[in-house]
Amino acid sequence: MVENFTLFSEEQGGLIKLVAKNHQYLGVNNCLEAVQNIRENQGKLGVFWHTQGSGKSFSMQFFFQKVHRRVQGSWTFVFTL
């Protein structure tokens, strides 16, 4: 949890610590499993579905940092808001 599911964000009141919620933890781990099996999945990773206000941006940051730390390779992610 500390290594892959904790972020710090600068907000108007100062620096805050963010920890993943259960749905983010499960979703990121499922996506990581799909990345590790990308050849068997024929390049398809699936859909990471979120509703409005559920922390999509933070989930993607958790995912990016976990891939960079756990999966070998030269990964490039494009993230737009």
N, C-alpha and C. Protein backbone atom coordinates (compact mmCIF):
# COMPACT_ATOMS: atom_id res chain seq x y z
N MET A 1 0.83 -1.20 0.00
CA MET A 1 0.00 0.00 0.00
C MET A 1 0.87 1.26 0.00
N VAL A 2 1.90 1.28 0.80
CA VAL A 2 2.72 2.48 0.90
C VAL A 2 3.47 2.74 -0.39
N GLU A 3 4.03 1.70 -0.98
CA GLU A 3 4.85 1.87 -2.18
C GLU A 3 4.05 2.24 -3.42
N ASN A 4 2.93 1.61 -3.65
CA ASN A 4 2.21 1.77 -4.90
C ASN A 4 0.87 2.49 -4.81
N PHE A 5 0.35 2.68 -3.63
CA PHE A 5 -1.01 3.22 -3.52
C PHE A 5 -1.09 4.42 -2.58
N THR A 6 -0.03 5.21 -2.54
CA THR A 6 -0.01 6.44 -1.75
C THR A 6 0.51 7.56 -2.63
N LEU A 7 -0.20 8.67 -2.65
CA LEU A 7 0.20 9.85 -3.42
C LEU A 7 0.14 11.08 -2.52
N PHE A 8 0.88 12.10 -2.91
CA PHE A 8 0.81 13.38 -2.23
C PHE A 8 0.38 14.42 -3.26
N SER A 9 -0.56 15.25 -2.87
CA SER A 9 -1.12 16.25 -3.78
C SER A 9 -1.08 17.62 -3.12
N GLU A 10 -0.64 18.61 -3.89
CA GLU A 10 -0.66 19.98 -3.39
C GLU A 10 -2.03 20.58 -3.64
N GLU A 11 -2.70 20.94 -2.59
CA GLU A 11 -4.02 21.55 -2.66
C GLU A 11 -3.92 22.96 -2.08
N GLN A 12 -5.00 23.68 -2.11
CA GLN A 12 -5.00 25.06 -1.64
C GLN A 12 -4.61 25.15 -0.16
N GLY A 13 -4.99 24.19 0.63
CA GLY A 13 -4.68 24.20 2.06
C GLY A 13 -3.30 23.65 2.39
N GLY A 14 -2.57 23.15 1.40
CA GLY A 14 -1.24 22.58 1.62
C GLY A 14 -1.14 21.19 1.02
N LEU A 15 -0.16 20.45 1.47
CA LEU A 15 0.10 19.11 0.96
C LEU A 15 -0.80 18.10 1.68
N ILE A 16 -1.47 17.24 0.89
CA ILE A 16 -2.30 16.20 1.48
C ILE A 16 -1.85 14.83 0.99
N LYS A 17 -2.04 13.82 1.82
CA LYS A 17 -1.70 12.45 1.47
C LYS A 17 -2.97 11.73 1.03
N LEU A 18 -2.86 11.02 -0.12
CA LEU A 18 -3.98 10.26 -0.66
C LEU A 18 -3.63 8.78 -0.64
N VAL A 19 -4.54 7.98 -0.14
CA VAL A 19 -4.37 6.53 -0.13
C VAL A 19 -5.50 5.93 -0.95
N ALA A 20 -5.19 4.91 -1.73
CA ALA A 20 -6.18 4.30 -2.63
C ALA A 20 -7.37 3.74 -1.86
N LYS A 21 -8.53 3.89 -2.48
CA LYS A 21 -9.74 3.26 -1.97
C LYS A 21 -9.78 1.83 -2.50
N ASN A 22 -10.65 1.02 -1.94
CA ASN A 22 -10.71 -0.39 -2.29
C ASN A 22 -10.89 -0.62 -3.79
N HIS A 23 -11.81 0.11 -4.44
CA HIS A 23 -12.06 -0.09 -5.86
C HIS A 23 -10.84 0.30 -6.70
N GLN A 24 -10.05 1.27 -6.24
CA GLN A 24 -8.84 1.66 -6.96
C GLN A 24 -7.76 0.58 -6.80
N TYR A 25 -7.61 0.07 -5.60
CA TYR A 25 -6.64 -0.99 -5.33
C TYR A 25 -6.93 -2.22 -6.19
N LEU A 26 -8.17 -2.67 -6.18
CA LEU A 26 -8.54 -3.85 -6.96
C LEU A 26 -8.40 -3.61 -8.46
N GLY A 27 -8.85 -2.44 -8.93
CA GLY A 27 -8.77 -2.12 -10.36
C GLY A 27 -7.35 -2.04 -10.87
N VAL A 28 -6.48 -1.39 -10.12
CA VAL A 28 -5.08 -1.26 -10.53
C VAL A 28 -4.41 -2.64 -10.57
N ASN A 29 -4.65 -3.45 -9.57
CA ASN A 29 -4.05 -4.79 -9.55
C ASN A 29 -4.56 -5.66 -10.69
N ASN A 30 -5.83 -5.53 -11.05
CA ASN A 30 -6.37 -6.28 -12.19
C ASN A 30 -5.75 -5.78 -13.50
N CYS A 31 -5.57 -4.48 -13.62
CA CYS A 31 -4.93 -3.93 -14.82
C CYS A 31 -3.48 -4.38 -14.92
N LEU A 32 -2.78 -4.40 -13.80
CA LEU A 32 -1.38 -4.84 -13.81
C LEU A 32 -1.28 -6.29 -14.26
N GLU A 33 -2.20 -7.12 -13.81
CA GLU A 33 -2.22 -8.52 -14.24
C GLU A 33 -2.43 -8.61 -15.75
N ALA A 34 -3.31 -7.77 -16.29
CA ALA A 34 -3.55 -7.75 -17.74
C ALA A 34 -2.31 -7.31 -18.49
N VAL A 35 -1.56 -6.35 -17.95
CA VAL A 35 -0.32 -5.89 -18.59
C VAL A 35 0.70 -7.02 -18.60
N GLN A 36 0.80 -7.75 -17.51
CA GLN A 36 1.77 -8.84 -17.43
C GLN A 36 1.41 -9.98 -18.37
N ASN A 37 0.14 -10.10 -18.74
CA ASN A 37 -0.31 -11.15 -19.66
C ASN A 37 -0.71 -10.57 -21.01
N ILE A 38 -0.07 -9.50 -21.42
CA ILE A 38 -0.49 -8.77 -22.62
C ILE A 38 -0.37 -9.62 -23.88
N ARG A 39 0.61 -10.48 -23.95
CA ARG A 39 0.76 -11.34 -25.14
C ARG A 39 -0.38 -12.36 -25.22
N GLU A 40 -0.72 -12.98 -24.11
CA GLU A 40 -1.82 -13.94 -24.09
C GLU A 40 -3.16 -13.26 -24.37
N ASN A 41 -3.27 -11.97 -23.98
CA ASN A 41 -4.50 -11.21 -24.20
C ASN A 41 -4.54 -10.56 -25.58
N GLN A 42 -3.57 -10.85 -26.41
CA GLN A 42 -3.46 -10.32 -27.77
C GLN A 42 -3.49 -8.80 -27.78
N GLY A 43 -2.79 -8.19 -26.83
CA GLY A 43 -2.67 -6.74 -26.77
C GLY A 43 -3.85 -6.01 -26.16
N LYS A 44 -4.86 -6.74 -25.72
CA LYS A 44 -6.05 -6.12 -25.14
C LYS A 44 -5.93 -6.11 -23.62
N LEU A 45 -6.16 -4.93 -23.04
CA LEU A 45 -6.05 -4.80 -21.59
C LEU A 45 -7.40 -4.73 -20.89
N GLY A 46 -8.45 -4.42 -21.61
CA GLY A 46 -9.77 -4.32 -20.99
C GLY A 46 -10.13 -2.89 -20.68
N VAL A 47 -11.15 -2.71 -19.87
CA VAL A 47 -11.68 -1.40 -19.53
C VAL A 47 -11.57 -1.19 -18.03
N PHE A 48 -11.09 -0.03 -17.64
CA PHE A 48 -11.04 0.37 -16.23
C PHE A 48 -12.17 1.37 -16.04
N TRP A 49 -13.32 0.91 -15.56
CA TRP A 49 -14.52 1.73 -15.50
C TRP A 49 -14.63 2.45 -14.16
N HIS A 50 -14.91 3.76 -14.23
CA HIS A 50 -15.14 4.58 -13.03
C HIS A 50 -16.35 5.47 -13.26
N THR A 51 -16.97 5.87 -12.19
CA THR A 51 -18.06 6.84 -12.28
C THR A 51 -17.51 8.23 -11.92
N GLN A 52 -18.31 9.24 -12.13
CA GLN A 52 -17.89 10.61 -11.85
C GLN A 52 -17.55 10.77 -10.37
N GLY A 53 -16.40 11.38 -10.11
CA GLY A 53 -15.99 11.64 -8.73
C GLY A 53 -15.40 10.47 -7.98
N SER A 54 -15.05 9.40 -8.69
CA SER A 54 -14.56 8.20 -8.01
C SER A 54 -13.04 8.11 -7.96
N GLY A 55 -12.33 9.10 -8.48
CA GLY A 55 -10.87 9.10 -8.39
C GLY A 55 -10.18 8.50 -9.59
N LYS A 56 -10.70 8.74 -10.79
CA LYS A 56 -10.10 8.18 -12.01
C LYS A 56 -8.65 8.63 -12.20
N SER A 57 -8.41 9.90 -12.01
CA SER A 57 -7.06 10.44 -12.20
C SER A 57 -6.08 9.80 -11.23
N PHE A 58 -6.49 9.67 -9.99
CA PHE A 58 -5.62 9.05 -9.00
C PHE A 58 -5.41 7.57 -9.30
N SER A 59 -6.45 6.88 -9.76
CA SER A 59 -6.30 5.47 -10.13
C SER A 59 -5.25 5.30 -11.21
N MET A 60 -5.28 6.18 -12.20
CA MET A 60 -4.30 6.09 -13.29
C MET A 60 -2.90 6.38 -12.79
N GLN A 61 -2.74 7.32 -11.86
CA GLN A 61 -1.43 7.58 -11.28
C GLN A 61 -0.93 6.37 -10.49
N PHE A 62 -1.81 5.73 -9.73
CA PHE A 62 -1.43 4.51 -9.01
C PHE A 62 -0.98 3.44 -10.01
N PHE A 63 -1.74 3.31 -11.10
CA PHE A 63 -1.41 2.31 -12.13
C PHE A 63 -0.06 2.60 -12.78
N PHE A 64 0.17 3.84 -13.19
CA PHE A 64 1.43 4.20 -13.84
C PHE A 64 2.62 3.90 -12.95
N GLN A 65 2.54 4.31 -11.69
CA GLN A 65 3.70 4.11 -10.82
C GLN A 65 3.91 2.63 -10.51
N LYS A 66 2.85 1.86 -10.44
CA LYS A 66 3.02 0.43 -10.16
C LYS A 66 3.62 -0.29 -11.38
N VAL A 67 3.19 0.07 -12.58
CA VAL A 67 3.78 -0.53 -13.79
C VAL A 67 5.26 -0.19 -13.86
N HIS A 68 5.62 1.07 -13.64
CA HIS A 68 7.03 1.47 -13.70
C HIS A 68 7.88 0.73 -12.67
N ARG A 69 7.31 0.41 -11.54
CA ARG A 69 8.07 -0.26 -10.48
C ARG A 69 8.09 -1.78 -10.62
N ARG A 70 7.07 -2.37 -11.24
CA ARG A 70 6.94 -3.83 -11.22
C ARG A 70 7.14 -4.53 -12.56
N VAL A 71 6.97 -3.83 -13.67
CA VAL A 71 7.02 -4.48 -14.98
C VAL A 71 8.21 -3.95 -15.75
N GLN A 72 9.08 -4.85 -16.18
CA GLN A 72 10.25 -4.42 -16.94
C GLN A 72 9.84 -3.86 -18.28
N GLY A 73 10.63 -2.94 -18.76
CA GLY A 73 10.37 -2.36 -20.07
C GLY A 73 10.45 -0.85 -20.02
N SER A 74 10.39 -0.26 -21.17
CA SER A 74 10.42 1.19 -21.29
C SER A 74 9.00 1.67 -21.58
N TRP A 75 8.28 1.99 -20.53
CA TRP A 75 6.87 2.34 -20.64
C TRP A 75 6.69 3.83 -20.82
N THR A 76 5.76 4.21 -21.69
CA THR A 76 5.38 5.60 -21.89
C THR A 76 3.87 5.68 -21.73
N PHE A 77 3.41 6.60 -20.90
CA PHE A 77 1.99 6.79 -20.69
C PHE A 77 1.63 8.22 -21.09
N VAL A 78 0.51 8.38 -21.76
CA VAL A 78 -0.01 9.69 -22.10
C VAL A 78 -1.27 9.88 -21.29
N PHE A 79 -1.26 10.90 -20.48
CA PHE A 79 -2.36 11.14 -19.54
C PHE A 79 -2.85 12.56 -19.74
N THR A 80 -4.10 12.72 -20.15
CA THR A 80 -4.67 14.05 -20.35
C THR A 80 -5.92 14.22 -19.50
N LEU A 81 -6.17 15.43 -19.11
CA LEU A 81 -7.36 15.72 -18.30
C LEU A 81 -8.37 16.45 -19.13
